Amino acid sequence: MLGCVGQKRLQTVQDENLIIQNEEDDDEYEVIIIDSGFNTWFATNSKPMNFYSPQYYENKNKMYVTAWNDLFYQYRGNSPFENRIDYDFSIDYGVELNYKLFWYFKYVESKYGRFYNFPA
């Protein structure tokens, strides 16, 4: 399910619960979480956006994405790692996207357990 969704989107990362997209000629990205349980979990478990620095979110997401993709290649087809996340480390996705993506990974952790080997 990775690839473009719609005609004007240049970059899209998609699995059944997560979409990261960029509209044509736009430097802004957005993350869309489709999982029905995420919004309630997010409202009760997330901290304010400025709780961590933008660099913290970006660094954590790089580690989470790497761990996620490693598991995707290792256990292809097993939930929740059914799709590779095409997060380009050279792109500045902005604090809002990294904040929401970070909390999506935390949500996945709460649902399925820790899926990485880096320190908490």
PDB file of N, CA and C in Angstrom:
ATOM      1  N   MET A   1       0.801  -1.191   0.000  1.00  0.00           N
ATOM      2  CA  MET A   1       0.000   0.000   0.000  1.00  0.00           C
ATOM      3  C   MET A   1       0.850   1.264   0.000  1.00  0.00           C
ATOM      4  N   LEU A   2       2.142   1.149  -0.161  1.00  0.00           N
ATOM      5  CA  LEU A   2       2.963   2.345  -0.250  1.00  0.00           C
ATOM      6  C   LEU A   2       2.840   2.921  -1.647  1.00  0.00           C
ATOM      7  N   GLY A   3       2.942   4.219  -1.744  1.00  0.00           N
ATOM      8  CA  GLY A   3       2.884   4.848  -3.050  1.00  0.00           C
ATOM      9  C   GLY A   3       2.010   6.071  -3.013  1.00  0.00           C
ATOM     10  N   CYS A   4       1.653   6.542  -4.167  1.00  0.00           N
ATOM     11  CA  CYS A   4       0.859   7.764  -4.266  1.00  0.00           C
ATOM     12  C   CYS A   4      -0.613   7.489  -4.017  1.00  0.00           C
ATOM     13  N   VAL A   5      -1.236   8.441  -3.357  1.00  0.00           N
ATOM     14  CA  VAL A   5      -2.675   8.385  -3.126  1.00  0.00           C
ATOM     15  C   VAL A   5      -3.236   9.644  -3.752  1.00  0.00           C
ATOM     16  N   GLY A   6      -3.865   9.543  -4.875  1.00  0.00           N
ATOM     17  CA  GLY A   6      -4.373  10.718  -5.567  1.00  0.00           C
ATOM     18  C   GLY A   6      -3.343  11.216  -6.570  1.00  0.00           C
ATOM     19  N   GLN A   7      -3.752  12.071  -7.454  1.00  0.00           N
ATOM     20  CA  GLN A   7      -2.896  12.491  -8.546  1.00  0.00           C
ATOM     21  C   GLN A   7      -1.881  13.552  -8.162  1.00  0.00           C
ATOM     22  N   LYS A   8      -2.183  14.437  -7.232  1.00  0.00           N
ATOM     23  CA  LYS A   8      -1.314  15.564  -6.957  1.00  0.00           C
ATOM     24  C   LYS A   8      -0.317  15.313  -5.849  1.00  0.00           C
ATOM     25  N   ARG A   9      -0.370  14.213  -5.179  1.00  0.00           N
ATOM     26  CA  ARG A   9       0.525  13.984  -4.057  1.00  0.00           C
ATOM     27  C   ARG A   9       1.861  13.460  -4.554  1.00  0.00           C
ATOM     28  N   LEU A  10       2.935  14.117  -4.135  1.00  0.00           N
ATOM     29  CA  LEU A  10       4.265  13.716  -4.559  1.00  0.00           C
ATOM     30  C   LEU A  10       4.845  12.618  -3.682  1.00  0.00           C
ATOM     31  N   GLN A  11       4.710  12.760  -2.397  1.00  0.00           N
ATOM     32  CA  GLN A  11       5.283  11.774  -1.493  1.00  0.00           C
ATOM     33  C   GLN A  11       4.215  11.320  -0.536  1.00  0.00           C
ATOM     34  N   THR A  12       4.027  10.034  -0.452  1.00  0.00           N
ATOM     35  CA  THR A  12       3.045   9.501   0.470  1.00  0.00           C
ATOM     36  C   THR A  12       3.619   8.261   1.127  1.00  0.00           C
ATOM     37  N   VAL A  13       3.475   8.192   2.421  1.00  0.00           N
ATOM     38  CA  VAL A  13       3.787   6.989   3.170  1.00  0.00           C
ATOM     39  C   VAL A  13       2.451   6.508   3.686  1.00  0.00           C
ATOM     40  N   GLN A  14       2.140   5.259   3.459  1.00  0.00           N
ATOM     41  CA  GLN A  14       0.810   4.814   3.856  1.00  0.00           C
ATOM     42  C   GLN A  14       0.848   3.378   4.337  1.00  0.00           C
ATOM     43  N   ASP A  15       0.198   3.118   5.418  1.00  0.00           N
ATOM     44  CA  ASP A  15      -0.180   1.763   5.771  1.00  0.00           C
ATOM     45  C   ASP A  15      -1.651   1.851   6.140  1.00  0.00           C
ATOM     46  N   GLU A  16      -2.212   0.828   6.693  1.00  0.00           N
ATOM     47  CA  GLU A  16      -3.649   0.875   6.948  1.00  0.00           C
ATOM     48  C   GLU A  16      -4.041   1.923   7.976  1.00  0.00           C
ATOM     49  N   ASN A  17      -3.105   2.426   8.759  1.00  0.00           N
ATOM     50  CA  ASN A  17      -3.419   3.359   9.831  1.00  0.00           C
ATOM     51  C   ASN A  17      -2.688   4.697   9.750  1.00  0.00           C
ATOM     52  N   LEU A  18      -1.762   4.867   8.827  1.00  0.00           N
ATOM     53  CA  LEU A  18      -0.893   6.031   8.824  1.00  0.00           C
ATOM     54  C   LEU A  18      -0.639   6.506   7.404  1.00  0.00           C
ATOM     55  N   ILE A  19      -0.782   7.808   7.170  1.00  0.00           N
ATOM     56  CA  ILE A  19      -0.450   8.391   5.872  1.00  0.00           C
ATOM     57  C   ILE A  19       0.372   9.648   6.125  1.00  0.00           C
ATOM     58  N   ILE A  20       1.502   9.771   5.447  1.00  0.00           N
ATOM     59  CA  ILE A  20       2.274  11.008   5.438  1.00  0.00           C
ATOM     60  C   ILE A  20       2.248  11.487   4.005  1.00  0.00           C
ATOM     61  N   GLN A  21       1.790  12.700   3.802  1.00  0.00           N
ATOM     62  CA  GLN A  21       1.642  13.157   2.421  1.00  0.00           C
ATOM     63  C   GLN A  21       2.168  14.568   2.234  1.00  0.00           C
ATOM     64  N   ASN A  22       2.453  14.871   0.983  1.00  0.00           N
ATOM     65  CA  ASN A  22       2.923  16.185   0.580  1.00  0.00           C
ATOM     66  C   ASN A  22       2.176  16.547  -0.695  1.00  0.00           C
ATOM     67  N   GLU A  23       1.522  17.684  -0.695  1.00  0.00           N
ATOM     68  CA  GLU A  23       0.836  18.144  -1.888  1.00  0.00           C
ATOM     69  C   GLU A  23       1.854  18.722  -2.863  1.00  0.00           C
ATOM     70  N   GLU A  24       1.589  18.601  -4.139  1.00  0.00           N
ATOM     71  CA  GLU A  24       2.466  19.107  -5.187  1.00  0.00           C
ATOM     72  C   GLU A  24       2.791  20.583  -4.953  1.00  0.00           C
ATOM     73  N   ASP A  25       4.049  20.937  -5.172  1.00  0.00           N
ATOM     74  CA  ASP A  25       4.523  22.319  -5.032  1.00  0.00           C
ATOM     75  C   ASP A  25       4.299  22.883  -3.641  1.00  0.00           C
ATOM     76  N   ASP A  26       4.383  22.062  -2.635  1.00  0.00           N
ATOM     77  CA  ASP A  26       4.150  22.496  -1.266  1.00  0.00           C
ATOM     78  C   ASP A  26       5.226  21.864  -0.395  1.00  0.00           C
ATOM     79  N   ASP A  27       5.874  22.659   0.428  1.00  0.00           N
ATOM     80  CA  ASP A  27       6.913  22.143   1.306  1.00  0.00           C
ATOM     81  C   ASP A  27       6.363  21.638   2.632  1.00  0.00           C
ATOM     82  N   GLU A  28       5.064  21.651   2.786  1.00  0.00           N
ATOM     83  CA  GLU A  28       4.465  21.190   4.027  1.00  0.00           C
ATOM     84  C   GLU A  28       3.957  19.767   3.877  1.00  0.00           C
ATOM     85  N   TYR A  29       4.166  18.999   4.935  1.00  0.00           N
ATOM     86  CA  TYR A  29       3.726  17.613   4.984  1.00  0.00           C
ATOM     87  C   TYR A  29       2.697  17.486   6.091  1.00  0.00           C
ATOM     88  N   GLU A  30       1.885  16.469   5.993  1.00  0.00           N
ATOM     89  CA  GLU A  30       0.959  16.201   7.085  1.00  0.00           C
ATOM     90  C   GLU A  30       0.907  14.704   7.312  1.00  0.00           C
ATOM     91  N   VAL A  31       0.617  14.334   8.543  1.00  0.00           N
ATOM     92  CA  VAL A  31       0.447  12.932   8.880  1.00  0.00           C
ATOM     93  C   VAL A  31      -1.022  12.732   9.227  1.00  0.00           C
ATOM     94  N   ILE A  32      -1.596  11.692   8.696  1.00  0.00           N
ATOM     95  CA  ILE A  32      -2.992  11.363   8.967  1.00  0.00           C
ATOM     96  C   ILE A  32      -3.005   9.986   9.614  1.00  0.00           C
ATOM     97  N   ILE A  33      -3.532   9.905  10.823  1.00  0.00           N
ATOM     98  CA  ILE A  33      -3.642   8.632  11.531  1.00  0.00           C
ATOM     99  C   ILE A  33      -5.079   8.157  11.377  1.00  0.00           C
ATOM    100  N   ILE A  34      -5.248   6.994  10.789  1.00  0.00           N
ATOM    101  CA  ILE A  34      -6.580   6.472  10.498  1.00  0.00           C
ATOM    102  C   ILE A  34      -7.077   5.539  11.593  1.00  0.00           C
ATOM    103  N   ASP A  35      -6.174   4.962  12.359  1.00  0.00           N
ATOM    104  CA  ASP A  35      -6.550   4.012  13.415  1.00  0.00           C
ATOM    105  C   ASP A  35      -7.588   4.643  14.330  1.00  0.00           C
ATOM    106  N   SER A  36      -8.734   3.993  14.469  1.00  0.00           N
ATOM    107  CA  SER A  36      -9.858   4.565  15.212  1.00  0.00           C
ATOM    108  C   SER A  36      -9.567   4.771  16.700  1.00  0.00           C
ATOM    109  N   GLY A  37      -8.642   4.044  17.264  1.00  0.00           N
ATOM    110  CA  GLY A  37      -8.336   4.201  18.677  1.00  0.00           C
ATOM    111  C   GLY A  37      -7.307   5.272  18.985  1.00  0.00           C
ATOM    112  N   PHE A  38      -6.624   5.761  17.946  1.00  0.00           N
ATOM    113  CA  PHE A  38      -5.528   6.691  18.181  1.00  0.00           C
ATOM    114  C   PHE A  38      -5.987   8.008  18.795  1.00  0.00           C
ATOM    115  N   ASN A  39      -7.020   8.637  18.268  1.00  0.00           N
ATOM    116  CA  ASN A  39      -7.416   9.965  18.742  1.00  0.00           C
ATOM    117  C   ASN A  39      -7.754   9.983  20.226  1.00  0.00           C
ATOM    118  N   THR A  40      -8.471   8.974  20.701  1.00  0.00           N
ATOM    119  CA  THR A  40      -8.801   8.904  22.121  1.00  0.00           C
ATOM    120  C   THR A  40      -7.542   8.681  22.948  1.00  0.00           C
ATOM    121  N   TRP A  41      -6.696   7.752  22.505  1.00  0.00           N
ATOM    122  CA  TRP A  41      -5.450   7.491  23.203  1.00  0.00           C
ATOM    123  C   TRP A  41      -4.586   8.747  23.218  1.00  0.00           C
ATOM    124  N   PHE A  42      -4.481   9.411  22.083  1.00  0.00           N
ATOM    125  CA  PHE A  42      -3.672  10.624  21.944  1.00  0.00           C
ATOM    126  C   PHE A  42      -4.158  11.718  22.894  1.00  0.00           C
ATOM    127  N   ALA A  43      -5.461  11.899  22.975  1.00  0.00           N
ATOM    128  CA  ALA A  43      -6.039  12.943  23.828  1.00  0.00           C
ATOM    129  C   ALA A  43      -5.732  12.707  25.301  1.00  0.00           C
ATOM    130  N   THR A  44      -5.614  11.463  25.711  1.00  0.00           N
ATOM    131  CA  THR A  44      -5.398  11.164  27.124  1.00  0.00           C
ATOM    132  C   THR A  44      -3.941  10.872  27.484  1.00  0.00           C
ATOM    133  N   ASN A  45      -3.080  10.621  26.504  1.00  0.00           N
ATOM    134  CA  ASN A  45      -1.706  10.213  26.797  1.00  0.00           C
ATOM    135  C   ASN A  45      -0.608  11.146  26.301  1.00  0.00           C
ATOM    136  N   SER A  46      -0.884  11.952  25.309  1.00  0.00           N
ATOM    137  CA  SER A  46       0.177  12.803  24.752  1.00  0.00           C
ATOM    138  C   SER A  46       0.472  13.981  25.671  1.00  0.00           C
ATOM    139  N   LYS A  47       1.656  14.511  25.507  1.00  0.00           N
ATOM    140  CA  LYS A  47       2.067  15.719  26.219  1.00  0.00           C
ATOM    141  C   LYS A  47       1.967  16.890  25.240  1.00  0.00           C
ATOM    142  N   PRO A  48       1.983  18.121  25.729  1.00  0.00           N
ATOM    143  CA  PRO A  48       1.932  19.270  24.813  1.00  0.00           C
ATOM    144  C   PRO A  48       3.103  19.238  23.821  1.00  0.00           C
ATOM    145  N   MET A  49       2.899  19.811  22.642  1.00  0.00           N
ATOM    146  CA  MET A  49       3.903  19.769  21.586  1.00  0.00           C
ATOM    147  C   MET A  49       5.252  20.316  22.051  1.00  0.00           C
ATOM    148  N   ASN A  50       5.252  21.350  22.877  1.00  0.00           N
ATOM    149  CA  ASN A  50       6.512  21.947  23.295  1.00  0.00           C
ATOM    150  C   ASN A  50       7.155  21.222  24.487  1.00  0.00           C
ATOM    151  N   PHE A  51       6.612  20.090  24.904  1.00  0.00           N
ATOM    152  CA  PHE A  51       7.186  19.319  26.008  1.00  0.00           C
ATOM    153  C   PHE A  51       8.596  18.839  25.643  1.00  0.00           C
ATOM    154  N   TYR A  52       8.767  18.396  24.391  1.00  0.00           N
ATOM    155  CA  TYR A  52      10.069  17.990  23.874  1.00  0.00           C
ATOM    156  C   TYR A  52      10.464  18.965  22.765  1.00  0.00           C
ATOM    157  N   SER A  53      11.732  19.019  22.459  1.00  0.00           N
ATOM    158  CA  SER A  53      12.208  19.900  21.391  1.00  0.00           C
ATOM    159  C   SER A  53      11.897  19.276  20.030  1.00  0.00           C
ATOM    160  N   PRO A  54      11.827  20.110  18.993  1.00  0.00           N
ATOM    161  CA  PRO A  54      11.645  19.565  17.637  1.00  0.00           C
ATOM    162  C   PRO A  54      12.728  18.547  17.282  1.00  0.00           C
ATOM    163  N   GLN A  55      13.959  18.794  17.714  1.00  0.00           N
ATOM    164  CA  GLN A  55      15.063  17.866  17.434  1.00  0.00           C
ATOM    165  C   GLN A  55      14.841  16.519  18.128  1.00  0.00           C
ATOM    166  N   TYR A  56      14.286  16.548  19.329  1.00  0.00           N
ATOM    167  CA  TYR A  56      13.993  15.311  20.058  1.00  0.00           C
ATOM    168  C   TYR A  56      13.003  14.455  19.257  1.00  0.00           C
ATOM    169  N   TYR A  57      11.904  15.068  18.811  1.00  0.00           N
ATOM    170  CA  TYR A  57      10.913  14.325  18.025  1.00  0.00           C
ATOM    171  C   TYR A  57      11.534  13.744  16.759  1.00  0.00           C
ATOM    172  N   GLU A  58      12.312  14.561  16.075  1.00  0.00           N
ATOM    173  CA  GLU A  58      12.932  14.110  14.829  1.00  0.00           C
ATOM    174  C   GLU A  58      13.893  12.947  15.086  1.00  0.00           C
ATOM    175  N   ASN A  59      14.738  13.074  16.100  1.00  0.00           N
ATOM    176  CA  ASN A  59      15.691  11.999  16.409  1.00  0.00           C
ATOM    177  C   ASN A  59      14.985  10.713  16.819  1.00  0.00           C
ATOM    178  N   LYS A  60      13.969  10.824  17.648  1.00  0.00           N
ATOM    179  CA  LYS A  60      13.212   9.631  18.061  1.00  0.00           C
ATOM    180  C   LYS A  60      12.524   8.993  16.859  1.00  0.00           C
ATOM    181  N   ASN A  61      11.935   9.819  15.997  1.00  0.00           N
ATOM    182  CA  ASN A  61      11.250   9.274  14.828  1.00  0.00           C
ATOM    183  C   ASN A  61      12.209   8.557  13.890  1.00  0.00           C
ATOM    184  N   LYS A  62      13.424   9.066  13.765  1.00  0.00           N
ATOM    185  CA  LYS A  62      14.426   8.382  12.946  1.00  0.00           C
ATOM    186  C   LYS A  62      14.690   6.992  13.505  1.00  0.00           C
ATOM    187  N   MET A  63      14.808   6.895  14.825  1.00  0.00           N
ATOM    188  CA  MET A  63      15.041   5.584  15.447  1.00  0.00           C
ATOM    189  C   MET A  63      13.813   4.687  15.302  1.00  0.00           C
ATOM    190  N   TYR A  64      12.618   5.257  15.548  1.00  0.00           N
ATOM    191  CA  TYR A  64      11.388   4.467  15.410  1.00  0.00           C
ATOM    192  C   TYR A  64      11.196   3.971  13.982  1.00  0.00           C
ATOM    193  N   VAL A  65      11.397   4.843  13.019  1.00  0.00           N
ATOM    194  CA  VAL A  65      11.216   4.452  11.616  1.00  0.00           C
ATOM    195  C   VAL A  65      12.200   3.360  11.242  1.00  0.00           C
ATOM    196  N   THR A  66      13.443   3.503  11.667  1.00  0.00           N
ATOM    197  CA  THR A  66      14.450   2.486  11.375  1.00  0.00           C
ATOM    198  C   THR A  66      14.058   1.144  11.993  1.00  0.00           C
ATOM    199  N   ALA A  67      13.642   1.162  13.247  1.00  0.00           N
ATOM    200  CA  ALA A  67      13.217  -0.077  13.918  1.00  0.00           C
ATOM    201  C   ALA A  67      11.990  -0.670  13.234  1.00  0.00           C
ATOM    202  N   TRP A  68      11.015   0.190  12.895  1.00  0.00           N
ATOM    203  CA  TRP A  68       9.793  -0.256  12.221  1.00  0.00           C
ATOM    204  C   TRP A  68      10.142  -0.935  10.898  1.00  0.00           C
ATOM    205  N   ASN A  69      10.968  -0.265  10.096  1.00  0.00           N
ATOM    206  CA  ASN A  69      11.312  -0.811   8.782  1.00  0.00           C
ATOM    207  C   ASN A  69      12.127  -2.088   8.893  1.00  0.00           C
ATOM    208  N   ASP A  70      12.988  -2.188   9.900  1.00  0.00           N
ATOM    209  CA  ASP A  70      13.710  -3.439  10.133  1.00  0.00           C
ATOM    210  C   ASP A  70      12.733  -4.584  10.391  1.00  0.00           C
ATOM    211  N   LEU A  71      11.725  -4.318  11.212  1.00  0.00           N
ATOM    212  CA  LEU A  71      10.721  -5.342  11.499  1.00  0.00           C
ATOM    213  C   LEU A  71       9.860  -5.636  10.278  1.00  0.00           C
ATOM    214  N   PHE A  72       9.582  -4.624   9.486  1.00  0.00           N
ATOM    215  CA  PHE A  72       8.839  -4.847   8.246  1.00  0.00           C
ATOM    216  C   PHE A  72       9.585  -5.851   7.367  1.00  0.00           C
ATOM    217  N   TYR A  73      10.889  -5.646   7.206  1.00  0.00           N
ATOM    218  CA  TYR A  73      11.668  -6.554   6.358  1.00  0.00           C
ATOM    219  C   TYR A  73      11.823  -7.930   6.990  1.00  0.00           C
ATOM    220  N   GLN A  74      11.879  -7.974   8.299  1.00  0.00           N
ATOM    221  CA  GLN A  74      12.041  -9.245   8.994  1.00  0.00           C
ATOM    222  C   GLN A  74      10.745 -10.049   9.052  1.00  0.00           C
ATOM    223  N   TYR A  75       9.622  -9.368   9.326  1.00  0.00           N
ATOM    224  CA  TYR A  75       8.345 -10.055   9.527  1.00  0.00           C
ATOM    225  C   TYR A  75       7.292  -9.580   8.545  1.00  0.00           C
ATOM    226  N   ARG A  76       7.646  -9.407   7.331  1.00  0.00           N
ATOM    227  CA  ARG A  76       6.741  -8.878   6.312  1.00  0.00           C
ATOM    228  C   ARG A  76       5.362  -9.528   6.425  1.00  0.00           C
ATOM    229  N   GLY A  77       4.348  -8.672   6.541  1.00  0.00           N
ATOM    230  CA  GLY A  77       2.979  -9.168   6.593  1.00  0.00           C
ATOM    231  C   GLY A  77       2.400  -9.293   7.982  1.00  0.00           C
ATOM    232  N   ASN A  78       3.227  -9.133   9.026  1.00  0.00           N
ATOM    233  CA  ASN A  78       2.710  -9.250  10.385  1.00  0.00           C
ATOM    234  C   ASN A  78       2.345  -7.872  10.932  1.00  0.00           C
ATOM    235  N   SER A  79       1.177  -7.776  11.495  1.00  0.00           N
ATOM    236  CA  SER A  79       0.702  -6.523  12.065  1.00  0.00           C
ATOM    237  C   SER A  79       1.539  -6.163  13.279  1.00  0.00           C
ATOM    238  N   PRO A  80       1.820  -4.918  13.535  1.00  0.00           N
ATOM    239  CA  PRO A  80       1.401  -3.727  12.800  1.00  0.00           C
ATOM    240  C   PRO A  80       2.407  -3.293  11.745  1.00  0.00           C
ATOM    241  N   PHE A  81       3.407  -4.114  11.466  1.00  0.00           N
ATOM    242  CA  PHE A  81       4.505  -3.730  10.582  1.00  0.00           C
ATOM    243  C   PHE A  81       4.268  -4.222   9.160  1.00  0.00           C
ATOM    244  N   GLU A  82       3.084  -4.029   8.664  1.00  0.00           N
ATOM    245  CA  GLU A  82       2.701  -4.556   7.359  1.00  0.00           C
ATOM    246  C   GLU A  82       3.266  -3.755   6.202  1.00  0.00           C
ATOM    247  N   ASN A  83       3.683  -2.527   6.460  1.00  0.00           N
ATOM    248  CA  ASN A  83       4.189  -1.672   5.393  1.00  0.00           C
ATOM    249  C   ASN A  83       5.415  -0.915   5.849  1.00  0.00           C
ATOM    250  N   ARG A  84       6.286  -0.665   4.909  1.00  0.00           N
ATOM    251  CA  ARG A  84       7.494   0.121   5.153  1.00  0.00           C
ATOM    252  C   ARG A  84       7.100   1.590   5.251  1.00  0.00           C
ATOM    253  N   ILE A  85       7.755   2.322   6.151  1.00  0.00           N
ATOM    254  CA  ILE A  85       7.541   3.760   6.266  1.00  0.00           C
ATOM    255  C   ILE A  85       8.685   4.459   5.536  1.00  0.00           C
ATOM    256  N   ASP A  86       8.347   5.213   4.519  1.00  0.00           N
ATOM    257  CA  ASP A  86       9.332   5.884   3.684  1.00  0.00           C
ATOM    258  C   ASP A  86       9.570   7.296   4.203  1.00  0.00           C
ATOM    259  N   TYR A  87      10.209   7.369   5.351  1.00  0.00           N
ATOM    260  CA  TYR A  87      10.522   8.630   6.020  1.00  0.00           C
ATOM    261  C   TYR A  87      11.925   9.019   5.593  1.00  0.00           C
ATOM    262  N   ASP A  88      12.056  10.081   4.841  1.00  0.00           N
ATOM    263  CA  ASP A  88      13.338  10.524   4.313  1.00  0.00           C
ATOM    264  C   ASP A  88      14.032  11.396   5.362  1.00  0.00           C
ATOM    265  N   PHE A  89      15.150  10.927   5.899  1.00  0.00           N
ATOM    266  CA  PHE A  89      15.846  11.631   6.971  1.00  0.00           C
ATOM    267  C   PHE A  89      16.394  12.986   6.536  1.00  0.00           C
ATOM    268  N   SER A  90      16.480  13.237   5.243  1.00  0.00           N
ATOM    269  CA  SER A  90      17.001  14.518   4.765  1.00  0.00           C
ATOM    270  C   SER A  90      15.917  15.584   4.619  1.00  0.00           C
ATOM    271  N   ILE A  91      14.651  15.213   4.803  1.00  0.00           N
ATOM    272  CA  ILE A  91      13.541  16.158   4.671  1.00  0.00           C
ATOM    273  C   ILE A  91      13.159  16.709   6.039  1.00  0.00           C
ATOM    274  N   ASP A  92      12.950  18.013   6.102  1.00  0.00           N
ATOM    275  CA  ASP A  92      12.444  18.638   7.323  1.00  0.00           C
ATOM    276  C   ASP A  92      10.919  18.565   7.263  1.00  0.00           C
ATOM    277  N   TYR A  93      10.336  17.623   7.976  1.00  0.00           N
ATOM    278  CA  TYR A  93       8.885  17.441   7.953  1.00  0.00           C
ATOM    279  C   TYR A  93       8.156  18.432   8.854  1.00  0.00           C
ATOM    280  N   GLY A  94       8.885  19.121   9.693  1.00  0.00           N
ATOM    281  CA  GLY A  94       8.275  20.092  10.590  1.00  0.00           C
ATOM    282  C   GLY A  94       7.893  19.472  11.921  1.00  0.00           C
ATOM    283  N   VAL A  95       7.777  20.326  12.932  1.00  0.00           N
ATOM    284  CA  VAL A  95       7.529  19.848  14.289  1.00  0.00           C
ATOM    285  C   VAL A  95       6.147  19.213  14.424  1.00  0.00           C
ATOM    286  N   GLU A  96       5.131  19.741  13.770  1.00  0.00           N
ATOM    287  CA  GLU A  96       3.784  19.189  13.929  1.00  0.00           C
ATOM    288  C   GLU A  96       3.706  17.750  13.439  1.00  0.00           C
ATOM    289  N   LEU A  97       4.284  17.473  12.268  1.00  0.00           N
ATOM    290  CA  LEU A  97       4.264  16.108  11.753  1.00  0.00           C
ATOM    291  C   LEU A  97       5.078  15.195  12.654  1.00  0.00           C
ATOM    292  N   ASN A  98       6.289  15.633  13.032  1.00  0.00           N
ATOM    293  CA  ASN A  98       7.123  14.785  13.874  1.00  0.00           C
ATOM    294  C   ASN A  98       6.497  14.540  15.239  1.00  0.00           C
ATOM    295  N   TYR A  99       5.826  15.531  15.772  1.00  0.00           N
ATOM    296  CA  TYR A  99       5.111  15.383  17.047  1.00  0.00           C
ATOM    297  C   TYR A  99       4.035  14.305  16.939  1.00  0.00           C
ATOM    298  N   LYS A 100       3.206  14.402  15.928  1.00  0.00           N
ATOM    299  CA  LYS A 100       2.111  13.439  15.782  1.00  0.00           C
ATOM    300  C   LYS A 100       2.642  12.040  15.451  1.00  0.00           C
ATOM    301  N   LEU A 101       3.661  11.970  14.607  1.00  0.00           N
ATOM    302  CA  LEU A 101       4.252  10.681  14.272  1.00  0.00           C
ATOM    303  C   LEU A 101       4.872  10.032  15.504  1.00  0.00           C
ATOM    304  N   PHE A 102       5.570  10.826  16.314  1.00  0.00           N
ATOM    305  CA  PHE A 102       6.159  10.324  17.559  1.00  0.00           C
ATOM    306  C   PHE A 102       5.083   9.698  18.435  1.00  0.00           C
ATOM    307  N   TRP A 103       3.950  10.389  18.596  1.00  0.00           N
ATOM    308  CA  TRP A 103       2.884   9.871  19.455  1.00  0.00           C
ATOM    309  C   TRP A 103       2.173   8.679  18.809  1.00  0.00           C
ATOM    310  N   TYR A 104       2.193   8.581  17.495  1.00  0.00           N
ATOM    311  CA  TYR A 104       1.664   7.378  16.848  1.00  0.00           C
ATOM    312  C   TYR A 104       2.528   6.173  17.231  1.00  0.00           C
ATOM    313  N   PHE A 105       3.842   6.352  17.194  1.00  0.00           N
ATOM    314  CA  PHE A 105       4.724   5.255  17.603  1.00  0.00           C
ATOM    315  C   PHE A 105       4.501   4.885  19.064  1.00  0.00           C
ATOM    316  N   LYS A 106       4.304   5.874  19.918  1.00  0.00           N
ATOM    317  CA  LYS A 106       4.003   5.594  21.326  1.00  0.00           C
ATOM    318  C   LYS A 106       2.683   4.827  21.454  1.00  0.00           C
ATOM    319  N   TYR A 107       1.717   5.187  20.649  1.00  0.00           N
ATOM    320  CA  TYR A 107       0.428   4.485  20.630  1.00  0.00           C
ATOM    321  C   TYR A 107       0.622   3.020  20.211  1.00  0.00           C
ATOM    322  N   VAL A 108       1.403   2.811  19.162  1.00  0.00           N
ATOM    323  CA  VAL A 108       1.678   1.437  18.713  1.00  0.00           C
ATOM    324  C   VAL A 108       2.358   0.650  19.820  1.00  0.00           C
ATOM    325  N   GLU A 109       3.301   1.293  20.518  1.00  0.00           N
ATOM    326  CA  GLU A 109       3.955   0.653  21.669  1.00  0.00           C
ATOM    327  C   GLU A 109       2.943   0.236  22.725  1.00  0.00           C
ATOM    328  N   SER A 110       2.003   1.122  23.018  1.00  0.00           N
ATOM    329  CA  SER A 110       1.024   0.822  24.067  1.00  0.00           C
ATOM    330  C   SER A 110       0.109  -0.322  23.654  1.00  0.00           C
ATOM    331  N   LYS A 111      -0.104  -0.458  22.367  1.00  0.00           N
ATOM    332  CA  LYS A 111      -0.984  -1.508  21.846  1.00  0.00           C
ATOM    333  C   LYS A 111      -0.275  -2.857  21.696  1.00  0.00           C
ATOM    334  N   TYR A 112       0.962  -2.820  21.202  1.00  0.00           N
ATOM    335  CA  TYR A 112       1.667  -4.047  20.832  1.00  0.00           C
ATOM    336  C   TYR A 112       2.922  -4.310  21.647  1.00  0.00           C
ATOM    337  N   GLY A 113       3.350  -3.359  22.454  1.00  0.00           N
ATOM    338  CA  GLY A 113       4.599  -3.512  23.194  1.00  0.00           C
ATOM    339  C   GLY A 113       5.748  -2.845  22.458  1.00  0.00           C
ATOM    340  N   ARG A 114       6.848  -2.788  23.152  1.00  0.00           N
ATOM    341  CA  ARG A 114       8.047  -2.144  22.620  1.00  0.00           C
ATOM    342  C   ARG A 114       8.572  -2.933  21.428  1.00  0.00           C
ATOM    343  N   PHE A 115       8.880  -2.255  20.342  1.00  0.00           N
ATOM    344  CA  PHE A 115       9.319  -2.948  19.127  1.00  0.00           C
ATOM    345  C   PHE A 115      10.714  -2.533  18.670  1.00  0.00           C
ATOM    346  N   TYR A 116      11.510  -1.971  19.556  1.00  0.00           N
ATOM    347  CA  TYR A 116      12.816  -1.451  19.193  1.00  0.00           C
ATOM    348  C   TYR A 116      13.813  -1.816  20.290  1.00  0.00           C
ATOM    349  N   ASN A 117      15.091  -1.604  19.999  1.00  0.00           N
ATOM    350  CA  ASN A 117      16.149  -1.930  20.961  1.00  0.00           C
ATOM    351  C   ASN A 117      16.908  -0.717  21.465  1.00  0.00           C
ATOM    352  N   PHE A 118      16.433   0.482  21.165  1.00  0.00           N
ATOM    353  CA  PHE A 118      17.141   1.656  21.658  1.00  0.00           C
ATOM    354  C   PHE A 118      16.607   2.051  23.031  1.00  0.00           C
ATOM    355  N   PRO A 119      17.419   2.809  23.814  1.00  0.00           N
ATOM    356  CA  PRO A 119      17.000   3.187  25.163  1.00  0.00           C
ATOM    357  C   PRO A 119      15.724   4.038  25.151  1.00  0.00           C
ATOM    358  N   ALA A 120      14.913   3.909  26.169  1.00  0.00           N
ATOM    359  CA  ALA A 120      13.650   4.656  26.249  1.00  0.00           C
ATOM    360  C   ALA A 120      13.856   6.117  26.476  1.00  0.00           C
TER     361      ALA A 120
END
